[in-house]
Amino acid sequence: MRVSPGAPGPSQLARLAMDLRKPEGVREHSAFLVEGRRFVRDVLARAPGSIIGLLASESASREGLPDSPLPFSIVPDRLLGRISDTVTSQGILAVCRLPDDRWREFEAPEGRCLVPVLDGAADPGNAGTLIRTAAAFGCPAVFLTPGSCEAFSPKVTRASAGANAFIPIHQRAEPGELAGLLRSQGFRILAAEAGGGALAALPAAPRVALVIGSESFGISPLMLALCDGTVSIPMPGGMESLNAAVAGSILMYCVKESMVRG
């Protein structure tokens, strides 16, 4: 069932939401779920045009949600519980359209700019956390290369705190083309690699694309060969590595700080 024009009825919206529990459903329908009162409120405030409709359980309250002319369907608690991706559902979710993904048309804003590139980020929790960090730091976009997880699956949405609904996300960006696109806009491409160089020792760059690899395999040889240098986090405590989301978030903060100092 593709999303049809016009306002969907309660049963159509519920069937669509059921399909969107899985990444393949997200891709088939070009739609995704945002669940939870705070996350739904954020989407209503930041990207109301992306919302197809709202679903709430019979026992849920609309208190705290802004008034909206969007379709609002009430469904039985048991049905909402089946759709929910959480153990204890808050009883409200939004069904949203996927944004158009024309990553080749990306244009960075003027001035200092940080863009994370998630290379083969297969873990939804890590991908979602890094998307959330990118949104918090004001990054204009997040890129994911082929082999990464679906950036709009329920698990990624939950880990991103719903940030994937309003920060531009570009999936399946081919490494060679992406590197060319970023370099044409003045970006220095740095790889987050264990044993990489110290960030403070690198030449100051006002525009940086930070490549973060997968938890299991790191950055792919192809993507690594396209980078201008590597950076790592000093770990005097003797740990060999950090979780990809933790390491990537720390490095994003360090890059942003270096831009301010530069």
C-alpha atoms as a PDB file:
ATOM      1  CA  MET A   1       0.000   0.000   0.000  1.00  0.00           C
ATOM      2  CA  ARG A   2       1.584   3.265  -1.115  1.00  0.00           C
ATOM      3  CA  VAL A   3       0.732   6.495   0.640  1.00  0.00           C
ATOM      4  CA  SER A   4      -2.210   7.937  -1.273  1.00  0.00           C
ATOM      5  CA  PRO A   5      -2.966  11.643  -1.779  1.00  0.00           C
ATOM      6  CA  GLY A   6      -5.321  13.325   0.666  1.00  0.00           C
ATOM      7  CA  ALA A   7      -5.976  12.637   4.307  1.00  0.00           C
ATOM      8  CA  PRO A   8      -5.796   8.912   5.147  1.00  0.00           C
ATOM      9  CA  GLY A   9      -8.525   7.366   7.264  1.00  0.00           C
ATOM     10  CA  PRO A  10      -7.806   5.759  10.656  1.00  0.00           C
ATOM     11  CA  SER A  11      -7.610   2.197   9.321  1.00  0.00           C
ATOM     12  CA  GLN A  12      -5.377   3.199   6.390  1.00  0.00           C
ATOM     13  CA  LEU A  13      -3.077   5.180   8.677  1.00  0.00           C
ATOM     14  CA  ALA A  14      -2.855   2.283  11.149  1.00  0.00           C
ATOM     15  CA  ARG A  15      -2.033  -0.234   8.390  1.00  0.00           C
ATOM     16  CA  LEU A  16       0.636   2.077   7.055  1.00  0.00           C
ATOM     17  CA  ALA A  17       2.119   2.521  10.533  1.00  0.00           C
ATOM     18  CA  MET A  18       2.272  -1.263  10.972  1.00  0.00           C
ATOM     19  CA  ASP A  19       4.316  -1.577   7.777  1.00  0.00           C
ATOM     20  CA  LEU A  20       6.687   1.186   8.869  1.00  0.00           C
ATOM     21  CA  ARG A  21       7.936  -0.834  11.839  1.00  0.00           C
ATOM     22  CA  LYS A  22      10.508  -2.427   9.522  1.00  0.00           C
ATOM     23  CA  PRO A  23      13.207  -0.766   7.362  1.00  0.00           C
ATOM     24  CA  GLU A  24      11.834  -2.370   4.212  1.00  0.00           C
ATOM     25  CA  GLY A  25       8.437  -0.817   4.943  1.00  0.00           C
ATOM     26  CA  VAL A  26      10.072   2.596   5.308  1.00  0.00           C
ATOM     27  CA  ARG A  27      11.675   2.233   1.879  1.00  0.00           C
ATOM     28  CA  GLU A  28       8.533   0.798   0.248  1.00  0.00           C
ATOM     29  CA  HIS A  29       6.205   3.571   1.406  1.00  0.00           C
ATOM     30  CA  SER A  30       8.701   6.459   1.586  1.00  0.00           C
ATOM     31  CA  ALA A  31       7.402   7.184   5.073  1.00  0.00           C
ATOM     32  CA  PHE A  32       8.517   6.653   8.669  1.00  0.00           C
ATOM     33  CA  LEU A  33       7.315   6.772  12.274  1.00  0.00           C
ATOM     34  CA  VAL A  34       8.101   9.257  15.022  1.00  0.00           C
ATOM     35  CA  GLU A  35       6.948   7.971  18.399  1.00  0.00           C
ATOM     36  CA  GLY A  36       6.596   9.614  21.791  1.00  0.00           C
ATOM     37  CA  ARG A  37       4.961  12.801  23.021  1.00  0.00           C
ATOM     38  CA  ARG A  38       8.094  14.992  23.047  1.00  0.00           C
ATOM     39  CA  PHE A  39       9.363  13.765  19.679  1.00  0.00           C
ATOM     40  CA  VAL A  40       5.956  14.230  18.044  1.00  0.00           C
ATOM     41  CA  ARG A  41       5.729  17.717  19.532  1.00  0.00           C
ATOM     42  CA  ASP A  42       9.160  18.559  18.070  1.00  0.00           C
ATOM     43  CA  VAL A  43       8.124  17.390  14.601  1.00  0.00           C
ATOM     44  CA  LEU A  44       4.889  19.373  14.804  1.00  0.00           C
ATOM     45  CA  ALA A  45       6.950  22.455  15.654  1.00  0.00           C
ATOM     46  CA  ARG A  46       9.886  21.973  13.252  1.00  0.00           C
ATOM     47  CA  ALA A  47       8.556  20.034  10.275  1.00  0.00           C
ATOM     48  CA  PRO A  48       4.736  19.930  10.309  1.00  0.00           C
ATOM     49  CA  GLY A  49       4.615  19.625   6.522  1.00  0.00           C
ATOM     50  CA  SER A  50       6.264  16.203   6.713  1.00  0.00           C
ATOM     51  CA  ILE A  51       3.445  14.682   8.773  1.00  0.00           C
ATOM     52  CA  ILE A  52       0.883  12.515   7.006  1.00  0.00           C
ATOM     53  CA  GLY A  53      -1.184  11.945  10.139  1.00  0.00           C
ATOM     54  CA  LEU A  54      -1.133  11.327  13.888  1.00  0.00           C
ATOM     55  CA  LEU A  55      -2.134   8.163  15.720  1.00  0.00           C
ATOM     56  CA  ALA A  56      -3.034   7.955  19.391  1.00  0.00           C
ATOM     57  CA  SER A  57      -4.284   5.183  21.631  1.00  0.00           C
ATOM     58  CA  GLU A  58      -7.698   5.441  23.260  1.00  0.00           C
ATOM     59  CA  SER A  59      -6.145   6.080  26.666  1.00  0.00           C
ATOM     60  CA  ALA A  60      -3.629   8.706  25.481  1.00  0.00           C
ATOM     61  CA  SER A  61      -4.174  12.411  25.993  1.00  0.00           C
ATOM     62  CA  ARG A  62      -3.493  15.221  23.537  1.00  0.00           C
ATOM     63  CA  GLU A  63      -2.457  17.455  26.424  1.00  0.00           C
ATOM     64  CA  GLY A  64       0.791  19.269  25.696  1.00  0.00           C
ATOM     65  CA  LEU A  65       0.494  18.882  21.932  1.00  0.00           C
ATOM     66  CA  PRO A  66      -0.070  22.010  19.833  1.00  0.00           C
ATOM     67  CA  ASP A  67      -3.317  22.357  17.913  1.00  0.00           C
ATOM     68  CA  SER A  68      -2.981  21.019  14.401  1.00  0.00           C
ATOM     69  CA  PRO A  69      -5.314  20.521  11.438  1.00  0.00           C
ATOM     70  CA  LEU A  70      -3.536  17.250  10.617  1.00  0.00           C
ATOM     71  CA  PRO A  71      -5.499  13.983  10.568  1.00  0.00           C
ATOM     72  CA  PHE A  72      -5.642  12.619  14.120  1.00  0.00           C
ATOM     73  CA  SER A  73      -6.828   9.034  14.469  1.00  0.00           C
ATOM     74  CA  ILE A  74      -7.713   7.225  17.695  1.00  0.00           C
ATOM     75  CA  VAL A  75      -7.006   3.480  17.738  1.00  0.00           C
ATOM     76  CA  PRO A  76      -7.357   0.788  20.421  1.00  0.00           C
ATOM     77  CA  ASP A  77      -4.539   0.632  22.985  1.00  0.00           C
ATOM     78  CA  ARG A  78      -3.689  -2.909  21.920  1.00  0.00           C
ATOM     79  CA  LEU A  79      -3.223  -1.883  18.277  1.00  0.00           C
ATOM     80  CA  LEU A  80      -1.033   1.088  19.177  1.00  0.00           C
ATOM     81  CA  GLY A  81       1.004  -1.241  21.393  1.00  0.00           C
ATOM     82  CA  ARG A  82       1.597  -3.568  18.422  1.00  0.00           C
ATOM     83  CA  ILE A  83       2.775  -0.659  16.274  1.00  0.00           C
ATOM     84  CA  SER A  84       4.990   0.809  18.991  1.00  0.00           C
ATOM     85  CA  ASP A  85       8.739   0.147  18.983  1.00  0.00           C
ATOM     86  CA  THR A  86       9.012   0.686  22.736  1.00  0.00           C
ATOM     87  CA  VAL A  87       8.263  -1.617  25.664  1.00  0.00           C
ATOM     88  CA  THR A  88       5.923   0.936  27.239  1.00  0.00           C
ATOM     89  CA  SER A  89       4.322   3.102  24.595  1.00  0.00           C
ATOM     90  CA  GLN A  90       3.351   6.702  25.326  1.00  0.00           C
ATOM     91  CA  GLY A  91       0.364   6.127  23.088  1.00  0.00           C
ATOM     92  CA  ILE A  92       1.061   8.683  20.383  1.00  0.00           C
ATOM     93  CA  LEU A  93       3.014   8.696  17.131  1.00  0.00           C
ATOM     94  CA  ALA A  94       3.312  10.586  13.874  1.00  0.00           C
ATOM     95  CA  VAL A  95       3.452   9.053  10.416  1.00  0.00           C
ATOM     96  CA  CYS A  96       5.802  11.220   8.348  1.00  0.00           C
ATOM     97  CA  ARG A  97       6.880  11.420   4.717  1.00  0.00           C
ATOM     98  CA  LEU A  98      10.495  10.725   3.904  1.00  0.00           C
ATOM     99  CA  PRO A  99      12.247  13.853   2.648  1.00  0.00           C
ATOM    100  CA  ASP A 100      13.460  13.954  -0.942  1.00  0.00           C
ATOM    101  CA  ASP A 101      17.023  12.662  -0.948  1.00  0.00           C
ATOM    102  CA  ARG A 102      18.865  14.586  -3.643  1.00  0.00           C
ATOM    103  CA  TRP A 103      22.267  14.335  -2.004  1.00  0.00           C
ATOM    104  CA  ARG A 104      24.091  15.361  -5.161  1.00  0.00           C
ATOM    105  CA  GLU A 105      22.399  18.768  -4.857  1.00  0.00           C
ATOM    106  CA  PHE A 106      23.761  19.437  -1.364  1.00  0.00           C
ATOM    107  CA  GLU A 107      25.038  22.971  -0.872  1.00  0.00           C
ATOM    108  CA  ALA A 108      26.734  23.837   2.391  1.00  0.00           C
ATOM    109  CA  PRO A 109      25.872  27.130   4.075  1.00  0.00           C
ATOM    110  CA  GLU A 110      28.379  29.961   4.097  1.00  0.00           C
ATOM    111  CA  GLY A 111      31.156  30.052   6.672  1.00  0.00           C
ATOM    112  CA  ARG A 112      32.357  27.397   9.108  1.00  0.00           C
ATOM    113  CA  CYS A 113      30.673  24.071   8.599  1.00  0.00           C
ATOM    114  CA  LEU A 114      30.870  20.494   9.927  1.00  0.00           C
ATOM    115  CA  VAL A 115      29.284  17.584   8.082  1.00  0.00           C
ATOM    116  CA  PRO A 116      29.427  14.007   9.427  1.00  0.00           C
ATOM    117  CA  VAL A 117      29.687  11.112   6.979  1.00  0.00           C
ATOM    118  CA  LEU A 118      28.603   7.749   8.396  1.00  0.00           C
ATOM    119  CA  ASP A 119      30.426   5.094   6.398  1.00  0.00           C
ATOM    120  CA  GLY A 120      28.757   1.693   6.614  1.00  0.00           C
ATOM    121  CA  ALA A 121      27.067   2.567   9.921  1.00  0.00           C
ATOM    122  CA  ALA A 122      25.098  -0.654  10.325  1.00  0.00           C
ATOM    123  CA  ASP A 123      24.056  -0.268  13.962  1.00  0.00           C
ATOM    124  CA  PRO A 124      20.807   1.740  14.312  1.00  0.00           C
ATOM    125  CA  GLY A 125      21.659   2.882  17.823  1.00  0.00           C
ATOM    126  CA  ASN A 126      25.011   4.322  16.785  1.00  0.00           C
ATOM    127  CA  ALA A 127      23.578   5.926  13.644  1.00  0.00           C
ATOM    128  CA  GLY A 128      20.710   7.503  15.567  1.00  0.00           C
ATOM    129  CA  THR A 129      22.989   8.843  18.296  1.00  0.00           C
ATOM    130  CA  LEU A 130      25.317  10.421  15.734  1.00  0.00           C
ATOM    131  CA  ILE A 131      22.355  11.997  13.911  1.00  0.00           C
ATOM    132  CA  ARG A 132      21.183  13.434  17.230  1.00  0.00           C
ATOM    133  CA  THR A 133      24.668  14.811  17.936  1.00  0.00           C
ATOM    134  CA  ALA A 134      24.863  16.344  14.460  1.00  0.00           C
ATOM    135  CA  ALA A 135      21.516  18.066  14.993  1.00  0.00           C
ATOM    136  CA  ALA A 136      22.617  19.354  18.401  1.00  0.00           C
ATOM    137  CA  PHE A 137      25.792  20.843  16.900  1.00  0.00           C
ATOM    138  CA  GLY A 138      23.964  22.554  14.060  1.00  0.00           C
ATOM    139  CA  CYS A 139      25.360  20.421  11.247  1.00  0.00           C
ATOM    140  CA  PRO A 140      23.567  21.187   7.964  1.00  0.00           C
ATOM    141  CA  ALA A 141      23.292  17.528   6.926  1.00  0.00           C
ATOM    142  CA  VAL A 142      24.326  13.955   7.641  1.00  0.00           C
ATOM    143  CA  PHE A 143      25.523  11.611   4.896  1.00  0.00           C
ATOM    144  CA  LEU A 144      25.382   7.813   4.990  1.00  0.00           C
ATOM    145  CA  THR A 145      27.235   5.638   2.484  1.00  0.00           C
ATOM    146  CA  PRO A 146      25.877   2.379   1.020  1.00  0.00           C
ATOM    147  CA  GLY A 147      25.868  -0.443   3.549  1.00  0.00           C
ATOM    148  CA  SER A 148      24.601   1.785   6.352  1.00  0.00           C
ATOM    149  CA  CYS A 149      21.340   1.025   8.120  1.00  0.00           C
ATOM    150  CA  GLU A 150      18.041   2.634   7.137  1.00  0.00           C
ATOM    151  CA  ALA A 151      18.252   6.105   8.708  1.00  0.00           C
ATOM    152  CA  PHE A 152      14.482   6.334   9.211  1.00  0.00           C
ATOM    153  CA  SER A 153      13.811   2.981  10.874  1.00  0.00           C
ATOM    154  CA  PRO A 154      12.068   3.139  14.271  1.00  0.00           C
ATOM    155  CA  LYS A 155      15.276   2.193  16.108  1.00  0.00           C
ATOM    156  CA  VAL A 156      17.267   4.992  14.455  1.00  0.00           C
ATOM    157  CA  THR A 157      14.440   7.463  15.035  1.00  0.00           C
ATOM    158  CA  ARG A 158      14.305   6.586  18.725  1.00  0.00           C
ATOM    159  CA  ALA A 159      18.103   6.803  19.140  1.00  0.00           C
ATOM    160  CA  SER A 160      18.144  10.144  17.315  1.00  0.00           C
ATOM    161  CA  ALA A 161      15.396  11.520  19.596  1.00  0.00           C
ATOM    162  CA  GLY A 162      13.400  12.220  16.442  1.00  0.00           C
ATOM    163  CA  ALA A 163      16.138  14.454  14.992  1.00  0.00           C
ATOM    164  CA  ASN A 164      16.044  12.556  11.694  1.00  0.00           C
ATOM    165  CA  ALA A 165      12.696  14.254  11.065  1.00  0.00           C
ATOM    166  CA  PHE A 166      14.253  17.706  10.766  1.00  0.00           C
ATOM    167  CA  ILE A 167      17.999  17.482  10.021  1.00  0.00           C
ATOM    168  CA  PRO A 168      18.662  16.727   6.321  1.00  0.00           C
ATOM    169  CA  ILE A 169      19.827  13.132   5.963  1.00  0.00           C
ATOM    170  CA  HIS A 170      21.318  11.819   2.725  1.00  0.00           C
ATOM    171  CA  GLN A 171      21.506   8.050   2.332  1.00  0.00           C
ATOM    172  CA  ARG A 172      23.416   5.790  -0.053  1.00  0.00           C
ATOM    173  CA  ALA A 173      25.875   8.556  -0.971  1.00  0.00           C
ATOM    174  CA  GLU A 174      28.544   6.985  -3.212  1.00  0.00           C
ATOM    175  CA  PRO A 175      31.973   7.708  -1.645  1.00  0.00           C
ATOM    176  CA  GLY A 176      33.795   8.940  -4.746  1.00  0.00           C
ATOM    177  CA  GLU A 177      31.038  11.300  -5.841  1.00  0.00           C
ATOM    178  CA  LEU A 178      30.484  12.492  -2.293  1.00  0.00           C
ATOM    179  CA  ALA A 179      34.158  13.282  -1.782  1.00  0.00           C
ATOM    180  CA  GLY A 180      34.192  15.279  -5.018  1.00  0.00           C
ATOM    181  CA  LEU A 181      31.044  17.169  -4.025  1.00  0.00           C
ATOM    182  CA  LEU A 182      32.436  18.076  -0.607  1.00  0.00           C
ATOM    183  CA  ARG A 183      35.854  19.100  -1.910  1.00  0.00           C
ATOM    184  CA  SER A 184      34.239  21.336  -4.517  1.00  0.00           C
ATOM    185  CA  GLN A 185      32.713  23.260  -1.596  1.00  0.00           C
ATOM    186  CA  GLY A 186      35.962  23.594   0.300  1.00  0.00           C
ATOM    187  CA  PHE A 187      35.656  20.730   2.752  1.00  0.00           C
ATOM    188  CA  ARG A 188      38.649  18.960   4.281  1.00  0.00           C
ATOM    189  CA  ILE A 189      37.718  15.279   4.681  1.00  0.00           C
ATOM    190  CA  LEU A 190      38.988  13.688   7.902  1.00  0.00           C
ATOM    191  CA  ALA A 191      38.628  10.070   8.975  1.00  0.00           C
ATOM    192  CA  ALA A 192      38.003   9.095  12.589  1.00  0.00           C
ATOM    193  CA  GLU A 193      40.560   6.322  13.000  1.00  0.00           C
ATOM    194  CA  ALA A 194      42.213   4.656  15.987  1.00  0.00           C
ATOM    195  CA  GLY A 195      45.833   5.704  15.881  1.00  0.00           C
ATOM    196  CA  GLY A 196      45.033   8.718  13.729  1.00  0.00           C
ATOM    197  CA  GLY A 197      46.624  12.114  14.086  1.00  0.00           C
ATOM    198  CA  ALA A 198      45.981  14.567  16.894  1.00  0.00           C
ATOM    199  CA  LEU A 199      43.293  17.036  15.918  1.00  0.00           C
ATOM    200  CA  ALA A 200      45.237  19.937  17.431  1.00  0.00           C
ATOM    201  CA  ALA A 201      48.219  19.183  15.176  1.00  0.00           C
ATOM    202  CA  LEU A 202      46.222  19.400  11.955  1.00  0.00           C
ATOM    203  CA  PRO A 203      46.019  22.603   9.907  1.00  0.00           C
ATOM    204  CA  ALA A 204      42.946  24.636  10.836  1.00  0.00           C
ATOM    205  CA  ALA A 205      40.061  24.041   8.424  1.00  0.00           C
ATOM    206  CA  PRO A 206      36.847  26.071   8.455  1.00  0.00           C
ATOM    207  CA  ARG A 207      34.908  23.323   6.654  1.00  0.00           C
ATOM    208  CA  VAL A 208      35.307  19.701   7.706  1.00  0.00           C
ATOM    209  CA  ALA A 209      33.611  16.456   6.686  1.00  0.00           C
ATOM    210  CA  LEU A 210      34.197  13.932   9.484  1.00  0.00           C
ATOM    211  CA  VAL A 211      33.998  10.313   8.368  1.00  0.00           C
ATOM    212  CA  ILE A 212      32.912   7.844  11.058  1.00  0.00           C
ATOM    213  CA  GLY A 213      33.044   4.125  10.337  1.00  0.00           C
ATOM    214  CA  SER A 214      31.078   1.146  11.563  1.00  0.00           C
ATOM    215  CA  GLU A 215      31.501  -0.343  15.025  1.00  0.00           C
ATOM    216  CA  SER A 216      32.748  -3.664  13.655  1.00  0.00           C
ATOM    217  CA  PHE A 217      34.762  -2.817  10.547  1.00  0.00           C
ATOM    218  CA  GLY A 218      35.723   0.828  10.815  1.00  0.00           C
ATOM    219  CA  ILE A 219      35.968   2.974   7.692  1.00  0.00           C
ATOM    220  CA  SER A 220      35.993   1.161   4.357  1.00  0.00           C
ATOM    221  CA  PRO A 221      39.294   1.139   2.427  1.00  0.00           C
ATOM    222  CA  LEU A 222      37.627   3.054  -0.422  1.00  0.00           C
ATOM    223  CA  MET A 223      36.365   5.833   1.837  1.00  0.00           C
ATOM    224  CA  LEU A 224      39.610   5.968   3.783  1.00  0.00           C
ATOM    225  CA  ALA A 225      41.608   6.443   0.590  1.00  0.00           C
ATOM    226  CA  LEU A 226      39.459   9.486  -0.234  1.00  0.00           C
ATOM    227  CA  CYS A 227      40.198  11.234   3.074  1.00  0.00           C
ATOM    228  CA  ASP A 228      42.736  14.016   3.538  1.00  0.00           C
ATOM    229  CA  GLY A 229      43.876  12.807   6.949  1.00  0.00           C
ATOM    230  CA  THR A 230      42.940  10.876  10.068  1.00  0.00           C
ATOM    231  CA  VAL A 231      42.082  11.987  13.600  1.00  0.00           C
ATOM    232  CA  SER A 232      41.750  10.096  16.850  1.00  0.00           C
ATOM    233  CA  ILE A 233      40.924  10.661  20.506  1.00  0.00           C
ATOM    234  CA  PRO A 234      43.782  10.404  23.032  1.00  0.00           C
ATOM    235  CA  MET A 235      42.928   7.718  25.609  1.00  0.00           C
ATOM    236  CA  PRO A 236      45.416   7.817  28.485  1.00  0.00           C
ATOM    237  CA  GLY A 237      43.247   5.354  30.395  1.00  0.00           C
ATOM    238  CA  GLY A 238      44.495   2.521  28.203  1.00  0.00           C
ATOM    239  CA  MET A 239      41.258   1.591  26.407  1.00  0.00           C
ATOM    240  CA  GLU A 240      41.817   0.417  22.847  1.00  0.00           C
ATOM    241  CA  SER A 241      38.684   1.977  21.432  1.00  0.00           C
ATOM    242  CA  LEU A 242      35.368   3.666  22.129  1.00  0.00           C
ATOM    243  CA  ASN A 243      31.869   2.976  20.917  1.00  0.00           C
ATOM    244  CA  ALA A 244      31.463   4.488  17.435  1.00  0.00           C
ATOM    245  CA  ALA A 245      28.702   6.852  18.545  1.00  0.00           C
ATOM    246  CA  VAL A 246      30.708   8.040  21.560  1.00  0.00           C
ATOM    247  CA  ALA A 247      33.912   8.517  19.572  1.00  0.00           C
ATOM    248  CA  GLY A 248      32.130  10.253  16.707  1.00  0.00           C
ATOM    249  CA  SER A 249      30.266  12.584  19.063  1.00  0.00           C
ATOM    250  CA  ILE A 250      33.455  13.556  20.911  1.00  0.00           C
ATOM    251  CA  LEU A 251      35.264  14.227  17.650  1.00  0.00           C
ATOM    252  CA  MET A 252      32.383  16.305  16.305  1.00  0.00           C
ATOM    253  CA  TYR A 253      32.603  18.452  19.418  1.00  0.00           C
ATOM    254  CA  CYS A 254      36.397  18.760  19.076  1.00  0.00           C
ATOM    255  CA  VAL A 255      36.122  19.744  15.403  1.00  0.00           C
ATOM    256  CA  LYS A 256      33.495  22.378  16.211  1.00  0.00           C
ATOM    257  CA  GLU A 257      35.703  23.770  18.984  1.00  0.00           C
ATOM    258  CA  SER A 258      38.720  23.886  16.673  1.00  0.00           C
ATOM    259  CA  MET A 259      36.661  25.866  14.160  1.00  0.00           C
ATOM    260  CA  VAL A 260      35.744  28.421  16.819  1.00  0.00           C
ATOM    261  CA  ARG A 261      39.371  28.777  17.918  1.00  0.00           C
ATOM    262  CA  GLY A 262      40.524  28.993  14.306  1.00  0.00           C
END
